[in-house]
Amino acid sequence: MERVKTVALGAAVLIMVFCNGCANMKPAASMDANGSAQAAGAPASVPQSYYLFPDLSVPVELEQDMNRTMIIKTQQFQGGIVVLKGRVTVSSLMEYFPKKMMENGWQLVGSMAAKRSLLAFSKGNQGHCLIQIYDTPGGFNTEVQIWLVEPMDAFAPQQPPPPPPAGDIPNDFPPAS
């Protein structure tokens, strides 16, 4: 249990550091099937699934690796690492995630395309997400690791706080010296 807490805390810190460093980056446009530039927030008609978090969609071609997925929920936050594998290209996932995450209220705050590609998302104080995408050895599968942390109240309906009760504020403060 201590290892899960340590990994979740480490993932949360890594996500926050990465997101803060990339906060001013803008998403690049991607190419659609016709070769035309398409904005990163344009909707895609790809079948999707939701794993463990209501605002995290993934293509149905990816299957969750339960042996490597770790989720932690406390009274204050929920988060963890979701590991997925499937026969999907890295480039298609690099286009899919920015579109779908933006549809679910996330903002792309940074990206890096490399042998192990990274996408960083933020909802301000309502959550941070880092997605790592890479081909597995042998090239037969693509693995996706999603590191996510969100406060538990991110999914609660937002209501204004009640007004303070009338007459409970003392008027007899000592004078300032």
C-alpha atoms as a PDB file:
ATOM      1  CA  MET A   1       0.000   0.000   0.000  1.00  0.00           C
ATOM      2  CA  GLU A   2       2.909   2.318   0.799  1.00  0.00           C
ATOM      3  CA  ARG A   3       4.312   1.708  -2.700  1.00  0.00           C
ATOM      4  CA  VAL A   4       0.995   2.726  -4.296  1.00  0.00           C
ATOM      5  CA  LYS A   5       0.962   5.961  -2.300  1.00  0.00           C
ATOM      6  CA  THR A   6       4.568   6.692  -3.247  1.00  0.00           C
ATOM      7  CA  VAL A   7       3.976   6.003  -6.948  1.00  0.00           C
ATOM      8  CA  ALA A   8       0.766   8.074  -7.002  1.00  0.00           C
ATOM      9  CA  LEU A   9       2.447  10.969  -5.226  1.00  0.00           C
ATOM     10  CA  GLY A  10       5.456  10.771  -7.555  1.00  0.00           C
ATOM     11  CA  ALA A  11       3.185  10.718 -10.603  1.00  0.00           C
ATOM     12  CA  ALA A  12       1.231  13.711  -9.302  1.00  0.00           C
ATOM     13  CA  VAL A  13       4.418  15.717  -8.697  1.00  0.00           C
ATOM     14  CA  LEU A  14       5.814  14.770 -12.122  1.00  0.00           C
ATOM     15  CA  ILE A  15       2.593  15.809 -13.830  1.00  0.00           C
ATOM     16  CA  MET A  16       2.463  19.151 -12.034  1.00  0.00           C
ATOM     17  CA  VAL A  17       6.113  19.938 -12.799  1.00  0.00           C
ATOM     18  CA  PHE A  18       5.698  18.997 -16.466  1.00  0.00           C
ATOM     19  CA  CYS A  19       2.435  20.942 -16.809  1.00  0.00           C
ATOM     20  CA  ASN A  20       3.851  24.101 -15.207  1.00  0.00           C
ATOM     21  CA  GLY A  21       6.884  24.015 -17.503  1.00  0.00           C
ATOM     22  CA  CYS A  22       4.774  23.666 -20.637  1.00  0.00           C
ATOM     23  CA  ALA A  23       1.890  25.973 -19.722  1.00  0.00           C
ATOM     24  CA  ASN A  24       2.513  28.414 -22.579  1.00  0.00           C
ATOM     25  CA  MET A  25       2.771  25.851 -25.380  1.00  0.00           C
ATOM     26  CA  LYS A  26      -0.017  25.673 -27.967  1.00  0.00           C
ATOM     27  CA  PRO A  27      -1.264  22.507 -29.697  1.00  0.00           C
ATOM     28  CA  ALA A  28      -0.193  22.052 -33.288  1.00  0.00           C
ATOM     29  CA  ALA A  29      -2.682  21.462 -36.075  1.00  0.00           C
ATOM     30  CA  SER A  30      -2.914  17.921 -37.400  1.00  0.00           C
ATOM     31  CA  MET A  31      -3.673  16.617 -40.870  1.00  0.00           C
ATOM     32  CA  ASP A  32      -6.987  14.980 -41.682  1.00  0.00           C
ATOM     33  CA  ALA A  33      -7.486  12.162 -44.218  1.00  0.00           C
ATOM     34  CA  ASN A  34      -7.506  14.670 -47.117  1.00  0.00           C
ATOM     35  CA  GLY A  35      -4.194  16.228 -46.069  1.00  0.00           C
ATOM     36  CA  SER A  36      -5.851  19.451 -44.897  1.00  0.00           C
ATOM     37  CA  ALA A  37      -4.848  21.093 -41.639  1.00  0.00           C
ATOM     38  CA  GLN A  38      -7.307  20.415 -38.869  1.00  0.00           C
ATOM     39  CA  ALA A  39      -7.426  22.141 -35.477  1.00  0.00           C
ATOM     40  CA  ALA A  40      -6.426  20.013 -32.494  1.00  0.00           C
ATOM     41  CA  GLY A  41      -9.879  20.437 -30.939  1.00  0.00           C
ATOM     42  CA  ALA A  42     -11.865  19.207 -33.940  1.00  0.00           C
ATOM     43  CA  PRO A  43     -14.148  16.261 -33.134  1.00  0.00           C
ATOM     44  CA  ALA A  44     -13.280  12.773 -34.316  1.00  0.00           C
ATOM     45  CA  SER A  45     -15.717   9.927 -34.903  1.00  0.00           C
ATOM     46  CA  VAL A  46     -13.612   7.189 -33.296  1.00  0.00           C
ATOM     47  CA  PRO A  47     -15.353   4.689 -30.979  1.00  0.00           C
ATOM     48  CA  GLN A  48     -14.210   5.273 -27.417  1.00  0.00           C
ATOM     49  CA  SER A  49     -14.290   3.769 -23.938  1.00  0.00           C
ATOM     50  CA  TYR A  50     -13.972   5.310 -20.500  1.00  0.00           C
ATOM     51  CA  TYR A  51     -11.679   3.673 -17.916  1.00  0.00           C
ATOM     52  CA  LEU A  52     -12.008   4.541 -14.243  1.00  0.00           C
ATOM     53  CA  PHE A  53     -12.409   8.306 -14.777  1.00  0.00           C
ATOM     54  CA  PRO A  54     -15.519   9.867 -16.339  1.00  0.00           C
ATOM     55  CA  ASP A  55     -13.528  12.484 -18.268  1.00  0.00           C
ATOM     56  CA  LEU A  56     -10.840  10.174 -19.700  1.00  0.00           C
ATOM     57  CA  SER A  57     -11.785   8.497 -22.972  1.00  0.00           C
ATOM     58  CA  VAL A  58      -9.591   6.025 -24.859  1.00  0.00           C
ATOM     59  CA  PRO A  59     -10.013   4.262 -28.216  1.00  0.00           C
ATOM     60  CA  VAL A  60     -11.814   0.905 -27.936  1.00  0.00           C
ATOM     61  CA  GLU A  61      -8.814  -0.761 -29.627  1.00  0.00           C
ATOM     62  CA  LEU A  62      -6.792  -0.271 -26.430  1.00  0.00           C
ATOM     63  CA  GLU A  63      -7.180  -2.808 -23.636  1.00  0.00           C
ATOM     64  CA  GLN A  64      -6.399  -2.056 -20.015  1.00  0.00           C
ATOM     65  CA  ASP A  65      -3.453  -3.879 -18.423  1.00  0.00           C
ATOM     66  CA  MET A  66      -4.903  -4.565 -14.968  1.00  0.00           C
ATOM     67  CA  ASN A  67      -1.578  -5.876 -13.606  1.00  0.00           C
ATOM     68  CA  ARG A  68       0.107  -2.524 -14.193  1.00  0.00           C
ATOM     69  CA  THR A  69      -2.797  -0.136 -13.578  1.00  0.00           C
ATOM     70  CA  MET A  70      -2.799   1.530 -10.143  1.00  0.00           C
ATOM     71  CA  ILE A  71      -5.580   3.766  -8.864  1.00  0.00           C
ATOM     72  CA  ILE A  72      -5.743   5.641  -5.583  1.00  0.00           C
ATOM     73  CA  LYS A  73      -8.764   7.444  -4.164  1.00  0.00           C
ATOM     74  CA  THR A  74      -8.732   9.525  -1.007  1.00  0.00           C
ATOM     75  CA  GLN A  75     -11.196  12.022   0.411  1.00  0.00           C
ATOM     76  CA  GLN A  76      -9.274  14.829  -1.300  1.00  0.00           C
ATOM     77  CA  PHE A  77      -8.210  13.391  -4.680  1.00  0.00           C
ATOM     78  CA  GLN A  78      -8.233  10.452  -7.047  1.00  0.00           C
ATOM     79  CA  GLY A  79      -5.544   9.504  -9.466  1.00  0.00           C
ATOM     80  CA  GLY A  80      -3.132   6.884 -10.587  1.00  0.00           C
ATOM     81  CA  ILE A  81      -1.609   5.246 -13.606  1.00  0.00           C
ATOM     82  CA  VAL A  82      -3.767   3.554 -16.247  1.00  0.00           C
ATOM     83  CA  VAL A  83      -1.788   1.281 -18.600  1.00  0.00           C
ATOM     84  CA  LEU A  84      -3.311   0.295 -21.947  1.00  0.00           C
ATOM     85  CA  LYS A  85      -2.072  -1.727 -24.926  1.00  0.00           C
ATOM     86  CA  GLY A  86      -3.353  -2.314 -28.432  1.00  0.00           C
ATOM     87  CA  ARG A  87      -2.713  -2.398 -32.150  1.00  0.00           C
ATOM     88  CA  VAL A  88      -2.994   1.340 -32.752  1.00  0.00           C
ATOM     89  CA  THR A  89      -0.349   3.607 -34.263  1.00  0.00           C
ATOM     90  CA  VAL A  90       1.432   6.162 -32.121  1.00  0.00           C
ATOM     91  CA  SER A  91       0.612   8.919 -34.627  1.00  0.00           C
ATOM     92  CA  SER A  92      -3.139   8.198 -34.522  1.00  0.00           C
ATOM     93  CA  LEU A  93      -3.084   8.294 -30.718  1.00  0.00           C
ATOM     94  CA  MET A  94      -1.133  11.572 -30.785  1.00  0.00           C
ATOM     95  CA  GLU A  95      -4.064  13.004 -32.776  1.00  0.00           C
ATOM     96  CA  TYR A  96      -6.827  11.228 -30.853  1.00  0.00           C
ATOM     97  CA  PHE A  97      -5.942  12.227 -27.291  1.00  0.00           C
ATOM     98  CA  PRO A  98      -5.722  16.031 -27.769  1.00  0.00           C
ATOM     99  CA  LYS A  99      -9.115  16.036 -29.529  1.00  0.00           C
ATOM    100  CA  LYS A 100     -10.914  13.842 -27.002  1.00  0.00           C
ATOM    101  CA  MET A 101      -9.312  15.354 -23.931  1.00  0.00           C
ATOM    102  CA  MET A 102     -10.299  18.858 -25.082  1.00  0.00           C
ATOM    103  CA  GLU A 103     -13.886  17.609 -25.615  1.00  0.00           C
ATOM    104  CA  ASN A 104     -13.832  16.441 -21.982  1.00  0.00           C
ATOM    105  CA  GLY A 105     -12.686  19.814 -20.637  1.00  0.00           C
ATOM    106  CA  TRP A 106      -8.912  19.282 -20.592  1.00  0.00           C
ATOM    107  CA  GLN A 107      -6.450  21.786 -22.063  1.00  0.00           C
ATOM    108  CA  LEU A 108      -3.313  20.597 -23.853  1.00  0.00           C
ATOM    109  CA  VAL A 109      -0.425  22.389 -22.125  1.00  0.00           C
ATOM    110  CA  GLY A 110       2.514  20.590 -23.704  1.00  0.00           C
ATOM    111  CA  SER A 111       3.574  17.806 -26.027  1.00  0.00           C
ATOM    112  CA  MET A 112       6.693  16.017 -27.137  1.00  0.00           C
ATOM    113  CA  ALA A 113       6.879  13.690 -30.148  1.00  0.00           C
ATOM    114  CA  ALA A 114       9.763  11.227 -29.822  1.00  0.00           C
ATOM    115  CA  LYS A 115      10.398   7.516 -29.409  1.00  0.00           C
ATOM    116  CA  ARG A 116       8.327   7.882 -26.251  1.00  0.00           C
ATOM    117  CA  SER A 117       5.839  10.653 -26.976  1.00  0.00           C
ATOM    118  CA  LEU A 118       4.232  12.698 -24.218  1.00  0.00           C
ATOM    119  CA  LEU A 119       1.075  14.789 -23.981  1.00  0.00           C
ATOM    120  CA  ALA A 120       0.406  16.990 -20.938  1.00  0.00           C
ATOM    121  CA  PHE A 121      -3.096  18.216 -20.063  1.00  0.00           C
ATOM    122  CA  SER A 122      -4.510  20.384 -17.325  1.00  0.00           C
ATOM    123  CA  LYS A 123      -7.865  21.475 -15.961  1.00  0.00           C
ATOM    124  CA  GLY A 124      -6.252  24.166 -13.833  1.00  0.00           C
ATOM    125  CA  ASN A 125      -6.888  23.292 -10.192  1.00  0.00           C
ATOM    126  CA  GLN A 126      -9.276  20.527 -11.281  1.00  0.00           C
ATOM    127  CA  GLY A 127      -6.675  18.041 -12.475  1.00  0.00           C
ATOM    128  CA  HIS A 128      -3.509  17.199 -14.344  1.00  0.00           C
ATOM    129  CA  CYS A 129      -2.863  14.387 -16.811  1.00  0.00           C
ATOM    130  CA  LEU A 130       0.290  13.134 -18.530  1.00  0.00           C
ATOM    131  CA  ILE A 131      -0.042  10.589 -21.351  1.00  0.00           C
ATOM    132  CA  GLN A 132       2.994   8.625 -22.556  1.00  0.00           C
ATOM    133  CA  ILE A 133       2.640   6.751 -25.877  1.00  0.00           C
ATOM    134  CA  TYR A 134       5.207   4.375 -27.401  1.00  0.00           C
ATOM    135  CA  ASP A 135       5.634   1.212 -29.447  1.00  0.00           C
ATOM    136  CA  THR A 136       6.434  -1.876 -27.388  1.00  0.00           C
ATOM    137  CA  PRO A 137       9.597  -3.869 -28.172  1.00  0.00           C
ATOM    138  CA  GLY A 138       8.985  -5.880 -31.327  1.00  0.00           C
ATOM    139  CA  GLY A 139       6.606  -3.228 -32.655  1.00  0.00           C
ATOM    140  CA  PHE A 140       3.455  -5.362 -32.452  1.00  0.00           C
ATOM    141  CA  ASN A 141       1.616  -3.217 -29.908  1.00  0.00           C
ATOM    142  CA  THR A 142       1.463   0.358 -28.751  1.00  0.00           C
ATOM    143  CA  GLU A 143       1.443   1.060 -25.036  1.00  0.00           C
ATOM    144  CA  VAL A 144      -0.235   4.056 -23.440  1.00  0.00           C
ATOM    145  CA  GLN A 145       0.438   5.106 -19.861  1.00  0.00           C
ATOM    146  CA  ILE A 146      -1.936   7.704 -18.494  1.00  0.00           C
ATOM    147  CA  TRP A 147      -0.912   9.413 -15.252  1.00  0.00           C
ATOM    148  CA  LEU A 148      -3.811  11.389 -13.850  1.00  0.00           C
ATOM    149  CA  VAL A 149      -4.663  13.234 -10.633  1.00  0.00           C
ATOM    150  CA  GLU A 150      -7.916  15.081  -9.914  1.00  0.00           C
ATOM    151  CA  PRO A 151      -9.512  16.460  -6.748  1.00  0.00           C
ATOM    152  CA  MET A 152     -12.545  14.445  -5.653  1.00  0.00           C
ATOM    153  CA  ASP A 153     -14.760  17.524  -5.810  1.00  0.00           C
ATOM    154  CA  ALA A 154     -14.027  17.866  -9.554  1.00  0.00           C
ATOM    155  CA  PHE A 155     -17.041  15.632 -10.252  1.00  0.00           C
ATOM    156  CA  ALA A 156     -19.380  17.042  -7.617  1.00  0.00           C
ATOM    157  CA  PRO A 157     -22.020  19.533  -8.750  1.00  0.00           C
ATOM    158  CA  GLN A 158     -20.764  23.034  -8.092  1.00  0.00           C
ATOM    159  CA  GLN A 159     -23.019  25.040  -5.755  1.00  0.00           C
ATOM    160  CA  PRO A 160     -22.309  28.432  -4.263  1.00  0.00           C
ATOM    161  CA  PRO A 161     -21.481  28.399  -0.541  1.00  0.00           C
ATOM    162  CA  PRO A 162     -24.381  29.331   1.754  1.00  0.00           C
ATOM    163  CA  PRO A 163     -24.450  32.929   3.010  1.00  0.00           C
ATOM    164  CA  PRO A 164     -23.199  33.484   6.574  1.00  0.00           C
ATOM    165  CA  PRO A 165     -25.967  33.494   9.192  1.00  0.00           C
ATOM    166  CA  ALA A 166     -27.246  36.967  10.042  1.00  0.00           C
ATOM    167  CA  GLY A 167     -26.271  38.346  13.434  1.00  0.00           C
ATOM    168  CA  ASP A 168     -23.337  36.001  14.026  1.00  0.00           C
ATOM    169  CA  ILE A 169     -20.686  38.596  13.211  1.00  0.00           C
ATOM    170  CA  PRO A 170     -19.520  40.417  16.350  1.00  0.00           C
ATOM    171  CA  ASN A 171     -19.405  44.198  16.121  1.00  0.00           C
ATOM    172  CA  ASP A 172     -17.385  44.738  19.295  1.00  0.00           C
ATOM    173  CA  PHE A 173     -13.833  44.404  17.941  1.00  0.00           C
ATOM    174  CA  PRO A 174     -11.215  46.172  20.041  1.00  0.00           C
ATOM    175  CA  PRO A 175      -9.912  49.354  18.432  1.00  0.00           C
ATOM    176  CA  ALA A 176      -6.704  49.029  16.407  1.00  0.00           C
ATOM    177  CA  SER A 177      -3.669  50.574  18.061  1.00  0.00           C
END
